[in-house]
Each structure stands twice: as structure tokens, then as C-alpha cells.
Amino acid sequence: MERPGKRERTMTQIRYKPIGVIHTPFRSPEGTPIQPAAARGIVGGVDVDPEYAGGLKDLEGFSHVVLIYHFHKARLAHLRARPFLDDIDRGVFATRSPARPNTIGLSVVRLLRIEENILYVQNVDIVDGTPLLDIKPYVPEFDGADDVKIGWLKDNIRKLGQTRDDGRFGVRTQSVKSE
């Protein structure tokens, strides 16, 4: 493989149209669990716009789905962030911070059932009213990895269960800043 180098930028903007809305008990980022593993048992609903309901066919056979969404209440990031599980600034791409250059989130949640265009899900760590961009089935053989290392998190992962969003990544600015 050729080493990637400076290349011409072909696109300056990409636009997505939400396909639905995620509903949860969390009205604001503050207090929301920071990952699905810390949201065990929390139930939410995914309201898929009726025009996309046909795309839900055969999804009920999967126990888990990947929700891809827009962090609508997160500010854009500095390129360094102090993650919830640490007290040291890290490169934003080495974190799961909601404040990122492109505020796209993903969560693997348990699919409880589907009723028409509504998915009932569990272990949801998402703020109520979050715009849904896509749904994909979770397949361990596709999505699992062997020989996983978790970098700086190895010393902090034990804090996951009791850590909640404290508001540090809330809406504040419209630009990305390097530090």
C-alpha cells in the first residue's frame, strides 16, 4: 500500500438527512451515562420516519443494533479533550467524546422489539430528541476484534459504571480549535 500523503480535497461539505429521532429518559447531556455499558437496563425508543419504515424488514431477527446519530447538543471540539474517564487532556480521536470535528455518535444497543416504525431498545446512552442518521445490525463476527488494546483507558475503565456526563461537552462554540 502506498503511504497516504497530501491529497486534493474533493468535498468540502457532506449533508445527512435524519431518518428518525431517538427518545430516552435523558433530557440533557448532564447525567446521561457515557456508554451503553454504563446504561444497562435503560430503555428508549427509536422513532423511524414512516418513509423509512420499509427498511426495518428483517431487523427483528437481530438482538442488537448499531445506532448512528448526530450529537445535536454537543459543541464542536478542540482537537484535545479531557475525557470523562480521565483528568488529562487527550487527542480527541483517542476519546469517545461527543464534542468532535464531526459530531457523529454510535451506540450498540439491545433491540427489544419493533412495533411498526418504532424500535424499543435497551442500554441506551443517548440524549432524548437526538437525530438518528442510520441503523445497522450488530454482528459480532463483523464488528468484534481480536487482540484489542484500549490505550490510556486501561487504567480508567473501572470508572465506567459510575461516570455520567457532567456537561463539559455541551453546546458552546461553532469552530474546531487546535491546541
N, C-alpha and C. Protein backbone atom coordinates (compact mmCIF):
# COMPACT_ATOMS: atom_id res chain seq x y z
N MET A 1 0.84 -1.18 0.00
CA MET A 1 0.00 0.00 0.00
C MET A 1 0.88 1.24 0.00
N GLU A 2 0.50 2.16 -0.81
CA GLU A 2 1.22 3.42 -0.88
C GLU A 2 0.92 4.27 0.35
N ARG A 3 1.92 4.94 0.84
CA ARG A 3 1.73 5.79 2.02
C ARG A 3 0.83 6.95 1.67
N PRO A 4 -0.20 7.15 2.51
CA PRO A 4 -1.07 8.30 2.24
C PRO A 4 -0.30 9.60 2.45
N GLY A 5 -0.51 10.53 1.60
CA GLY A 5 0.15 11.82 1.71
C GLY A 5 -0.86 12.93 1.49
N LYS A 6 -0.34 14.08 1.20
CA LYS A 6 -1.23 15.20 0.95
C LYS A 6 -2.03 14.91 -0.31
N ARG A 7 -3.30 15.09 -0.22
CA ARG A 7 -4.15 14.83 -1.37
C ARG A 7 -5.12 15.98 -1.56
N GLU A 8 -5.61 16.07 -2.74
CA GLU A 8 -6.57 17.12 -3.04
C GLU A 8 -7.89 16.81 -2.36
N ARG A 9 -8.45 17.80 -1.72
CA ARG A 9 -9.74 17.63 -1.06
C ARG A 9 -10.83 17.77 -2.13
N THR A 10 -11.67 16.74 -2.24
CA THR A 10 -12.69 16.75 -3.28
C THR A 10 -14.04 17.23 -2.78
N MET A 11 -14.29 17.09 -1.47
CA MET A 11 -15.57 17.54 -0.92
C MET A 11 -15.30 18.49 0.23
N THR A 12 -16.10 19.52 0.31
CA THR A 12 -15.95 20.44 1.43
C THR A 12 -17.09 20.30 2.41
N GLN A 13 -18.18 19.68 1.97
CA GLN A 13 -19.32 19.53 2.87
C GLN A 13 -20.09 18.26 2.53
N ILE A 14 -20.54 17.58 3.56
CA ILE A 14 -21.38 16.40 3.40
C ILE A 14 -22.63 16.65 4.22
N ARG A 15 -23.78 16.36 3.67
CA ARG A 15 -25.03 16.58 4.40
C ARG A 15 -25.77 15.26 4.57
N TYR A 16 -26.34 15.10 5.75
CA TYR A 16 -27.16 13.93 6.05
C TYR A 16 -28.55 14.39 6.42
N LYS A 17 -29.53 13.59 6.05
CA LYS A 17 -30.91 13.83 6.44
C LYS A 17 -31.24 12.82 7.53
N PRO A 18 -31.66 13.28 8.71
CA PRO A 18 -32.05 12.31 9.74
C PRO A 18 -33.16 11.39 9.24
N ILE A 19 -33.11 10.13 9.69
CA ILE A 19 -34.14 9.17 9.32
C ILE A 19 -35.12 8.92 10.47
N GLY A 20 -34.91 9.62 11.57
CA GLY A 20 -35.79 9.46 12.73
C GLY A 20 -35.24 10.19 13.93
N VAL A 21 -35.83 9.90 15.08
CA VAL A 21 -35.47 10.56 16.33
C VAL A 21 -35.37 9.49 17.42
N ILE A 22 -34.36 9.64 18.28
CA ILE A 22 -34.17 8.73 19.41
C ILE A 22 -34.78 9.35 20.65
N HIS A 23 -35.59 8.57 21.37
CA HIS A 23 -36.24 9.05 22.60
C HIS A 23 -35.71 8.26 23.79
N THR A 24 -35.32 8.99 24.83
CA THR A 24 -34.75 8.37 26.03
C THR A 24 -35.21 9.14 27.26
N PRO A 25 -34.91 8.64 28.45
CA PRO A 25 -35.25 9.39 29.67
C PRO A 25 -34.34 10.59 29.93
N PHE A 26 -33.28 10.77 29.13
CA PHE A 26 -32.29 11.81 29.41
C PHE A 26 -32.61 13.09 28.65
N ARG A 27 -33.01 14.13 29.37
CA ARG A 27 -33.44 15.39 28.74
C ARG A 27 -32.28 16.30 28.37
N SER A 28 -31.12 16.10 28.98
CA SER A 28 -29.93 16.89 28.65
C SER A 28 -28.72 15.98 28.79
N PRO A 29 -27.59 16.40 28.21
CA PRO A 29 -26.39 15.57 28.33
C PRO A 29 -25.98 15.32 29.78
N GLU A 30 -26.09 16.32 30.63
CA GLU A 30 -25.68 16.15 32.02
C GLU A 30 -26.46 15.02 32.68
N GLY A 31 -25.72 14.09 33.26
CA GLY A 31 -26.32 12.95 33.94
C GLY A 31 -26.54 11.73 33.07
N THR A 32 -26.33 11.85 31.77
CA THR A 32 -26.51 10.73 30.86
C THR A 32 -25.33 9.77 31.00
N PRO A 33 -25.58 8.45 31.01
CA PRO A 33 -24.45 7.50 31.01
C PRO A 33 -23.58 7.77 29.79
N ILE A 34 -22.28 7.51 29.93
CA ILE A 34 -21.37 7.89 28.86
C ILE A 34 -21.13 6.79 27.83
N GLN A 35 -21.63 5.60 28.05
CA GLN A 35 -21.52 4.50 27.08
C GLN A 35 -22.66 3.52 27.35
N PRO A 36 -23.07 2.72 26.35
CA PRO A 36 -24.13 1.74 26.57
C PRO A 36 -23.84 0.77 27.72
N ALA A 37 -22.58 0.42 27.93
CA ALA A 37 -22.24 -0.50 29.02
C ALA A 37 -22.55 0.10 30.39
N ALA A 38 -22.62 1.42 30.49
CA ALA A 38 -22.96 2.09 31.74
C ALA A 38 -24.45 2.42 31.81
N ALA A 39 -25.20 2.03 30.79
CA ALA A 39 -26.63 2.33 30.71
C ALA A 39 -27.46 1.05 30.76
N ARG A 40 -26.92 0.01 31.37
CA ARG A 40 -27.62 -1.29 31.41
C ARG A 40 -29.02 -1.14 31.98
N GLY A 41 -29.98 -1.68 31.24
CA GLY A 41 -31.37 -1.67 31.68
C GLY A 41 -32.16 -0.44 31.30
N ILE A 42 -31.52 0.62 30.82
CA ILE A 42 -32.24 1.85 30.46
C ILE A 42 -32.87 1.65 29.08
N VAL A 43 -34.18 1.90 29.03
CA VAL A 43 -34.96 1.65 27.82
C VAL A 43 -35.26 2.97 27.10
N GLY A 44 -35.23 2.91 25.78
CA GLY A 44 -35.58 4.06 24.95
C GLY A 44 -36.31 3.59 23.72
N GLY A 45 -36.71 4.54 22.92
CA GLY A 45 -37.40 4.23 21.67
C GLY A 45 -36.76 4.96 20.52
N VAL A 46 -36.77 4.32 19.36
CA VAL A 46 -36.24 4.92 18.15
C VAL A 46 -37.41 5.06 17.19
N ASP A 47 -37.80 6.29 16.94
CA ASP A 47 -38.93 6.60 16.08
C ASP A 47 -38.40 6.84 14.67
N VAL A 48 -38.51 5.82 13.83
CA VAL A 48 -38.04 5.90 12.45
C VAL A 48 -39.12 6.59 11.62
N ASP A 49 -38.73 7.57 10.84
CA ASP A 49 -39.71 8.26 9.99
C ASP A 49 -40.43 7.23 9.12
N PRO A 50 -41.76 7.37 8.97
CA PRO A 50 -42.54 6.38 8.21
C PRO A 50 -42.00 6.09 6.81
N GLU A 51 -41.40 7.08 6.17
CA GLU A 51 -40.88 6.84 4.81
C GLU A 51 -39.73 5.83 4.80
N TYR A 52 -39.11 5.57 5.96
CA TYR A 52 -38.00 4.62 6.04
C TYR A 52 -38.41 3.31 6.73
N ALA A 53 -39.65 3.18 7.14
CA ALA A 53 -40.11 2.01 7.88
C ALA A 53 -39.90 0.71 7.10
N GLY A 54 -40.00 0.74 5.80
CA GLY A 54 -39.77 -0.46 4.98
C GLY A 54 -38.36 -1.02 5.16
N GLY A 55 -37.42 -0.18 5.54
CA GLY A 55 -36.05 -0.61 5.75
C GLY A 55 -35.85 -1.41 7.02
N LEU A 56 -36.88 -1.48 7.86
CA LEU A 56 -36.79 -2.24 9.11
C LEU A 56 -37.08 -3.72 8.92
N LYS A 57 -37.53 -4.10 7.72
CA LYS A 57 -37.84 -5.51 7.44
C LYS A 57 -36.63 -6.38 7.77
N ASP A 58 -36.87 -7.45 8.49
CA ASP A 58 -35.89 -8.47 8.88
C ASP A 58 -34.97 -8.05 10.03
N LEU A 59 -35.08 -6.82 10.52
CA LEU A 59 -34.22 -6.37 11.61
C LEU A 59 -34.57 -7.06 12.93
N GLU A 60 -35.82 -7.50 13.09
CA GLU A 60 -36.25 -8.11 14.36
C GLU A 60 -35.49 -9.39 14.69
N GLY A 61 -34.80 -9.98 13.73
CA GLY A 61 -34.02 -11.19 13.98
C GLY A 61 -32.67 -10.93 14.65
N PHE A 62 -32.33 -9.67 14.86
CA PHE A 62 -31.06 -9.32 15.48
C PHE A 62 -31.29 -8.91 16.93
N SER A 63 -30.40 -9.31 17.82
CA SER A 63 -30.54 -8.96 19.24
C SER A 63 -30.03 -7.56 19.54
N HIS A 64 -29.10 -7.07 18.73
CA HIS A 64 -28.50 -5.76 18.95
C HIS A 64 -28.42 -4.99 17.63
N VAL A 65 -28.49 -3.68 17.74
CA VAL A 65 -28.32 -2.82 16.57
C VAL A 65 -27.34 -1.70 16.91
N VAL A 66 -26.73 -1.17 15.87
CA VAL A 66 -25.85 -0.02 15.99
C VAL A 66 -26.66 1.20 15.57
N LEU A 67 -26.80 2.15 16.48
CA LEU A 67 -27.47 3.41 16.16
C LEU A 67 -26.39 4.43 15.85
N ILE A 68 -26.51 5.08 14.71
CA ILE A 68 -25.58 6.13 14.31
C ILE A 68 -26.38 7.43 14.32
N TYR A 69 -25.87 8.42 15.01
CA TYR A 69 -26.66 9.62 15.26
C TYR A 69 -25.81 10.87 15.30
N HIS A 70 -26.49 12.00 15.32
CA HIS A 70 -25.85 13.31 15.39
C HIS A 70 -25.92 13.83 16.82
N PHE A 71 -24.77 14.13 17.41
CA PHE A 71 -24.73 14.71 18.76
C PHE A 71 -25.24 16.14 18.67
N HIS A 72 -26.55 16.32 18.71
CA HIS A 72 -27.15 17.64 18.49
C HIS A 72 -26.95 18.61 19.65
N LYS A 73 -26.51 18.13 20.80
CA LYS A 73 -26.29 19.01 21.94
C LYS A 73 -24.83 19.11 22.34
N ALA A 74 -23.95 18.71 21.46
CA ALA A 74 -22.51 18.78 21.75
C ALA A 74 -21.89 19.95 21.00
N ARG A 75 -20.97 20.60 21.67
CA ARG A 75 -20.22 21.65 20.99
C ARG A 75 -19.18 21.00 20.09
N LEU A 76 -18.72 21.73 19.11
CA LEU A 76 -17.63 21.22 18.30
C LEU A 76 -16.37 21.21 19.14
N ALA A 77 -15.47 20.34 18.81
CA ALA A 77 -14.33 20.04 19.67
C ALA A 77 -13.13 20.92 19.44
N HIS A 78 -12.35 21.02 20.48
CA HIS A 78 -10.94 21.36 20.34
C HIS A 78 -10.32 20.03 19.94
N LEU A 79 -9.14 20.05 19.40
CA LEU A 79 -8.52 18.80 19.00
C LEU A 79 -7.97 18.02 20.18
N ARG A 80 -8.04 18.62 21.35
CA ARG A 80 -7.72 17.93 22.60
C ARG A 80 -8.94 18.02 23.49
N ALA A 81 -9.19 16.93 24.20
CA ALA A 81 -10.37 16.87 25.07
C ALA A 81 -9.99 16.17 26.36
N ARG A 82 -10.61 16.58 27.44
CA ARG A 82 -10.44 15.89 28.71
C ARG A 82 -11.61 14.92 28.84
N PRO A 83 -11.38 13.63 28.59
CA PRO A 83 -12.48 12.66 28.59
C PRO A 83 -13.06 12.45 29.98
N PHE A 84 -14.27 11.94 30.03
CA PHE A 84 -14.96 11.72 31.30
C PHE A 84 -14.19 10.78 32.21
N LEU A 85 -13.49 9.82 31.67
CA LEU A 85 -12.81 8.82 32.48
C LEU A 85 -11.36 9.16 32.81
N ASP A 86 -10.97 10.42 32.60
CA ASP A 86 -9.58 10.79 32.86
C ASP A 86 -9.51 12.26 33.26
N ASP A 87 -8.38 12.67 33.80
CA ASP A 87 -8.19 14.06 34.15
C ASP A 87 -7.01 14.67 33.39
N ILE A 88 -6.69 14.05 32.25
CA ILE A 88 -5.62 14.50 31.38
C ILE A 88 -6.20 14.78 30.00
N ASP A 89 -5.79 15.89 29.37
CA ASP A 89 -6.22 16.16 28.01
C ASP A 89 -5.66 15.11 27.07
N ARG A 90 -6.51 14.63 26.17
CA ARG A 90 -6.13 13.62 25.18
C ARG A 90 -6.48 14.14 23.80
N GLY A 91 -5.87 13.57 22.76
CA GLY A 91 -6.30 13.88 21.40
C GLY A 91 -7.73 13.42 21.22
N VAL A 92 -8.56 14.25 20.63
CA VAL A 92 -9.99 13.93 20.53
C VAL A 92 -10.23 12.59 19.84
N PHE A 93 -9.36 12.20 18.91
CA PHE A 93 -9.57 10.94 18.20
C PHE A 93 -9.17 9.73 19.04
N ALA A 94 -8.57 9.97 20.21
CA ALA A 94 -8.26 8.89 21.16
C ALA A 94 -9.30 8.86 22.28
N THR A 95 -10.43 9.53 22.06
CA THR A 95 -11.51 9.56 23.05
C THR A 95 -12.83 9.20 22.38
N ARG A 96 -13.85 8.98 23.21
CA ARG A 96 -15.20 8.78 22.70
C ARG A 96 -16.04 10.02 23.01
N SER A 97 -15.40 11.16 23.16
CA SER A 97 -16.06 12.43 23.45
C SER A 97 -17.13 12.75 22.42
N PRO A 98 -18.27 13.31 22.84
CA PRO A 98 -19.28 13.73 21.88
C PRO A 98 -18.89 15.00 21.13
N ALA A 99 -17.96 15.77 21.65
CA ALA A 99 -17.52 17.01 21.00
C ALA A 99 -16.35 16.68 20.09
N ARG A 100 -16.64 16.61 18.80
CA ARG A 100 -15.65 16.16 17.81
C ARG A 100 -15.80 17.02 16.56
N PRO A 101 -14.83 16.99 15.65
CA PRO A 101 -14.96 17.78 14.42
C PRO A 101 -16.26 17.47 13.66
N ASN A 102 -16.64 16.20 13.59
CA ASN A 102 -17.95 15.81 13.05
C ASN A 102 -18.68 15.14 14.20
N THR A 103 -19.74 15.75 14.66
CA THR A 103 -20.42 15.29 15.88
C THR A 103 -21.32 14.09 15.59
N ILE A 104 -20.67 12.99 15.24
CA ILE A 104 -21.37 11.74 14.93
C ILE A 104 -21.14 10.77 16.09
N GLY A 105 -22.21 10.17 16.56
CA GLY A 105 -22.11 9.20 17.63
C GLY A 105 -22.59 7.84 17.17
N LEU A 106 -22.19 6.82 17.92
CA LEU A 106 -22.72 5.48 17.67
C LEU A 106 -22.84 4.75 18.99
N SER A 107 -23.87 3.95 19.07
CA SER A 107 -24.13 3.14 20.26
C SER A 107 -24.65 1.78 19.82
N VAL A 108 -24.12 0.73 20.43
CA VAL A 108 -24.64 -0.61 20.22
C VAL A 108 -25.63 -0.86 21.34
N VAL A 109 -26.89 -1.05 20.98
CA VAL A 109 -27.97 -1.23 21.96
C VAL A 109 -28.70 -2.54 21.70
N ARG A 110 -29.35 -3.05 22.75
CA ARG A 110 -30.15 -4.27 22.62
C ARG A 110 -31.49 -3.91 21.98
N LEU A 111 -31.88 -4.66 20.98
CA LEU A 111 -33.18 -4.47 20.33
C LEU A 111 -34.19 -5.34 21.04
N LEU A 112 -35.17 -4.73 21.69
CA LEU A 112 -36.19 -5.47 22.44
C LEU A 112 -37.33 -5.93 21.53
N ARG A 113 -37.81 -4.99 20.70
CA ARG A 113 -38.89 -5.32 19.78
C ARG A 113 -39.08 -4.16 18.80
N ILE A 114 -39.84 -4.44 17.75
CA ILE A 114 -40.19 -3.42 16.76
C ILE A 114 -41.71 -3.42 16.64
N GLU A 115 -42.30 -2.26 16.75
CA GLU A 115 -43.74 -2.08 16.52
C GLU A 115 -43.90 -1.02 15.46
N GLU A 116 -44.32 -1.45 14.27
CA GLU A 116 -44.43 -0.58 13.11
C GLU A 116 -43.11 0.12 12.84
N ASN A 117 -43.02 1.43 13.06
CA ASN A 117 -41.79 2.16 12.79
C ASN A 117 -41.04 2.55 14.07
N ILE A 118 -41.37 1.91 15.19
CA ILE A 118 -40.73 2.21 16.47
C ILE A 118 -39.89 1.02 16.92
N LEU A 119 -38.61 1.28 17.19
CA LEU A 119 -37.73 0.26 17.78
C LEU A 119 -37.66 0.54 19.27
N TYR A 120 -37.87 -0.48 20.07
CA TYR A 120 -37.69 -0.38 21.52
C TYR A 120 -36.33 -0.97 21.82
N VAL A 121 -35.49 -0.17 22.47
CA VAL A 121 -34.10 -0.58 22.69
C VAL A 121 -33.74 -0.45 24.16
N GLN A 122 -32.70 -1.14 24.55
CA GLN A 122 -32.24 -1.14 25.94
C GLN A 122 -30.74 -0.86 25.97
N ASN A 123 -30.27 -0.34 27.10
CA ASN A 123 -28.87 0.04 27.31
C ASN A 123 -28.55 1.30 26.50
N VAL A 124 -29.48 2.22 26.52
CA VAL A 124 -29.37 3.42 25.70
C VAL A 124 -28.70 4.56 26.49
N ASP A 125 -27.69 5.15 25.88
CA ASP A 125 -26.86 6.20 26.49
C ASP A 125 -26.95 7.51 25.71
N ILE A 126 -28.12 7.81 25.19
CA ILE A 126 -28.29 8.90 24.23
C ILE A 126 -29.29 9.91 24.79
N VAL A 127 -29.09 11.18 24.49
CA VAL A 127 -29.97 12.25 24.94
C VAL A 127 -31.27 12.22 24.13
N ASP A 128 -32.39 12.46 24.82
CA ASP A 128 -33.70 12.50 24.18
C ASP A 128 -33.73 13.52 23.05
N GLY A 129 -34.37 13.14 21.94
CA GLY A 129 -34.51 14.04 20.81
C GLY A 129 -33.34 14.01 19.84
N THR A 130 -32.41 13.09 20.04
CA THR A 130 -31.24 13.01 19.18
C THR A 130 -31.63 12.56 17.77
N PRO A 131 -31.17 13.27 16.74
CA PRO A 131 -31.47 12.87 15.35
C PRO A 131 -30.74 11.57 14.98
N LEU A 132 -31.49 10.62 14.45
CA LEU A 132 -30.97 9.33 14.02
C LEU A 132 -30.51 9.43 12.57
N LEU A 133 -29.28 9.00 12.29
CA LEU A 133 -28.75 9.03 10.93
C LEU A 133 -28.84 7.67 10.24
N ASP A 134 -28.66 6.58 11.00
CA ASP A 134 -28.67 5.26 10.39
C ASP A 134 -28.80 4.19 11.46
N ILE A 135 -29.19 3.00 11.04
CA ILE A 135 -29.29 1.81 11.89
C ILE A 135 -28.59 0.68 11.14
N LYS A 136 -27.78 -0.06 11.84
CA LYS A 136 -27.14 -1.24 11.25
C LYS A 136 -27.25 -2.39 12.23
N PRO A 137 -27.39 -3.61 11.75
CA PRO A 137 -27.40 -4.75 12.67
C PRO A 137 -26.01 -4.95 13.26
N TYR A 138 -25.96 -5.28 14.53
CA TYR A 138 -24.68 -5.60 15.17
C TYR A 138 -24.40 -7.08 14.93
N VAL A 139 -23.25 -7.39 14.36
CA VAL A 139 -22.85 -8.76 14.06
C VAL A 139 -21.46 -8.97 14.66
N PRO A 140 -21.34 -9.73 15.77
CA PRO A 140 -20.04 -9.88 16.42
C PRO A 140 -18.93 -10.33 15.48
N GLU A 141 -19.26 -11.19 14.53
CA GLU A 141 -18.25 -11.68 13.60
C GLU A 141 -17.76 -10.57 12.66
N PHE A 142 -18.59 -9.55 12.45
CA PHE A 142 -18.18 -8.40 11.63
C PHE A 142 -17.50 -7.34 12.49
N ASP A 143 -18.06 -7.10 13.67
CA ASP A 143 -17.70 -5.93 14.47
C ASP A 143 -16.73 -6.21 15.61
N GLY A 144 -16.57 -7.47 15.97
CA GLY A 144 -15.65 -7.82 17.05
C GLY A 144 -14.22 -7.80 16.55
N ALA A 145 -13.30 -7.64 17.45
CA ALA A 145 -11.88 -7.62 17.08
C ALA A 145 -11.11 -8.49 18.07
N ASP A 146 -10.05 -9.10 17.60
CA ASP A 146 -9.16 -9.88 18.45
C ASP A 146 -7.97 -9.02 18.86
N ASP A 147 -7.28 -9.43 19.91
CA ASP A 147 -6.06 -8.75 20.34
C ASP A 147 -6.28 -7.24 20.53
N VAL A 148 -7.32 -6.89 21.25
CA VAL A 148 -7.69 -5.49 21.44
C VAL A 148 -6.85 -4.85 22.54
N LYS A 149 -6.38 -3.63 22.27
CA LYS A 149 -5.73 -2.80 23.28
C LYS A 149 -6.60 -1.56 23.46
N ILE A 150 -6.69 -1.05 24.67
CA ILE A 150 -7.55 0.11 24.90
C ILE A 150 -6.78 1.34 25.40
N GLY A 151 -5.50 1.39 25.06
CA GLY A 151 -4.69 2.58 25.31
C GLY A 151 -4.80 3.12 26.73
N TRP A 152 -4.93 4.44 26.84
CA TRP A 152 -4.97 5.11 28.13
C TRP A 152 -6.15 4.66 28.98
N LEU A 153 -7.18 4.10 28.37
CA LEU A 153 -8.37 3.68 29.12
C LEU A 153 -8.11 2.48 30.04
N LYS A 154 -7.06 1.72 29.79
CA LYS A 154 -6.83 0.50 30.59
C LYS A 154 -6.77 0.80 32.08
N ASP A 155 -6.27 1.98 32.46
CA ASP A 155 -6.17 2.34 33.88
C ASP A 155 -7.44 3.00 34.42
N ASN A 156 -8.40 3.31 33.53
CA ASN A 156 -9.58 4.06 33.94
C ASN A 156 -10.91 3.37 33.66
N ILE A 157 -10.90 2.27 32.95
CA ILE A 157 -12.13 1.63 32.51
C ILE A 157 -13.02 1.22 33.69
N ARG A 158 -12.43 0.97 34.83
CA ARG A 158 -13.20 0.57 36.02
C ARG A 158 -14.16 1.67 36.47
N LYS A 159 -13.95 2.91 36.05
CA LYS A 159 -14.80 4.05 36.43
C LYS A 159 -16.07 4.14 35.59
N LEU A 160 -16.18 3.34 34.54
CA LEU A 160 -17.27 3.48 33.58
C LEU A 160 -18.65 3.42 34.22
N GLY A 161 -18.89 2.45 35.07
CA GLY A 161 -20.22 2.24 35.63
C GLY A 161 -20.78 3.40 36.42
N GLN A 162 -19.94 4.18 37.06
CA GLN A 162 -20.43 5.28 37.89
C GLN A 162 -20.21 6.65 37.26
N THR A 163 -19.64 6.74 36.06
CA THR A 163 -19.36 8.03 35.44
C THR A 163 -20.54 8.45 34.57
N ARG A 164 -20.95 9.72 34.72
CA ARG A 164 -22.03 10.30 33.93
C ARG A 164 -21.53 11.58 33.28
N ASP A 165 -22.20 11.99 32.23
CA ASP A 165 -21.88 13.25 31.55
C ASP A 165 -22.02 14.39 32.55
N ASP A 166 -21.03 15.24 32.62
CA ASP A 166 -21.07 16.37 33.55
C ASP A 166 -21.25 17.70 32.84
N GLY A 167 -21.56 17.66 31.55
CA GLY A 167 -21.84 18.88 30.80
C GLY A 167 -20.64 19.51 30.13
N ARG A 168 -19.47 18.95 30.29
CA ARG A 168 -18.27 19.60 29.76
C ARG A 168 -18.23 19.71 28.24
N PHE A 169 -19.03 18.92 27.53
CA PHE A 169 -19.01 18.98 26.07
C PHE A 169 -20.28 19.59 25.50
N GLY A 170 -21.02 20.34 26.31
CA GLY A 170 -22.27 20.96 25.87
C GLY A 170 -22.07 22.04 24.83
N VAL A 171 -23.15 22.47 24.20
CA VAL A 171 -23.11 23.46 23.14
C VAL A 171 -22.49 24.75 23.65
N ARG A 172 -21.41 25.19 22.98
CA ARG A 172 -20.74 26.44 23.37
C ARG A 172 -20.13 27.19 22.20
N THR A 173 -19.67 26.50 21.18
CA THR A 173 -18.90 27.16 20.14
C THR A 173 -19.21 26.53 18.78
N GLN A 174 -18.76 27.14 17.73
CA GLN A 174 -19.02 26.63 16.39
C GLN A 174 -17.74 26.36 15.60
N SER A 175 -16.61 26.29 16.23
CA SER A 175 -15.38 26.07 15.49
C SER A 175 -14.50 25.02 16.16
N VAL A 176 -13.65 24.44 15.37
CA VAL A 176 -12.68 23.47 15.89
C VAL A 176 -11.40 24.23 16.15
N LYS A 177 -10.82 24.01 17.30
CA LYS A 177 -9.58 24.70 17.65
C LYS A 177 -8.52 23.67 17.94
N SER A 178 -7.33 23.93 17.46
CA SER A 178 -6.21 23.05 17.78
C SER A 178 -5.48 23.62 18.98
N GLU A 179 -4.85 22.73 19.71
CA GLU A 179 -4.09 23.16 20.88
C GLU A 179 -2.75 22.47 20.91
